[in-house]
Amino acid sequence: TVTPDYNDGLGVDIVTLIPVSEYNRITGKNETLQSDEVLSCTPRGKAFSGTVKFGDDAYKIKHTVDVFPTIDSYSAFTSNYSYYIVSDEKAAMSIYNSMGYKSEGADASHTDMSFAYGFDTDASKDVQKGYMKDISLLFCDISETSAVDLNCAEISRDSMMSLYGGLFFIGITLGLL
């Protein structure tokens, strides 16, 4: 059962809901789902089978998915994370609402839900960083308080290396002594 406070004491769990049309587009597969079915992918935990409940709504797990192309984007997280492929966007919003969140009206609480759009380029590292800068500037022009979180794998890699590179060097040096 997945509830708004669902976790194993490790912090926040990440549940990603993906419409089957997007899953098929990303993977090149041709899966179909009924409105009460989901596909499950839990890279760090045991695979679920049978039924999964989101709030008061139960969904039959049609089958589990072993590999998903975006799994690497969460590999550094210590939280549990899982993917559920749902029949469509309407099913995703129904799950969101059944968890006690509001998706419409004056008391909407979209702060707990986010939408992700990703793309790959064959561009060089510097060009990719330039894309990120341009997109960031575009969103800054739209709103000073934009609720948009932008990520660039190359910038993240550089940040990680600058943060941990020195420690790695010290570790090698001490290991040689």
Foldseek 3Di string as FASTA:
>chain_A
DDACPDFDPQDDEAEAEAEVVVQCVQPVDDDADDQQEKEKEWAPDDTDAAWDDQQPHIHHHPYYDDDDVCVVVCVPDPTTYMYIHGNDVVSVVVSVVSNVAACDDPRHDCVVPDDDDDDDDPDDLVVQVVVQVVVVVVVCVVDVPDPDDDDGPSVVVVVVCVVCVVVVVVVVVVVVD
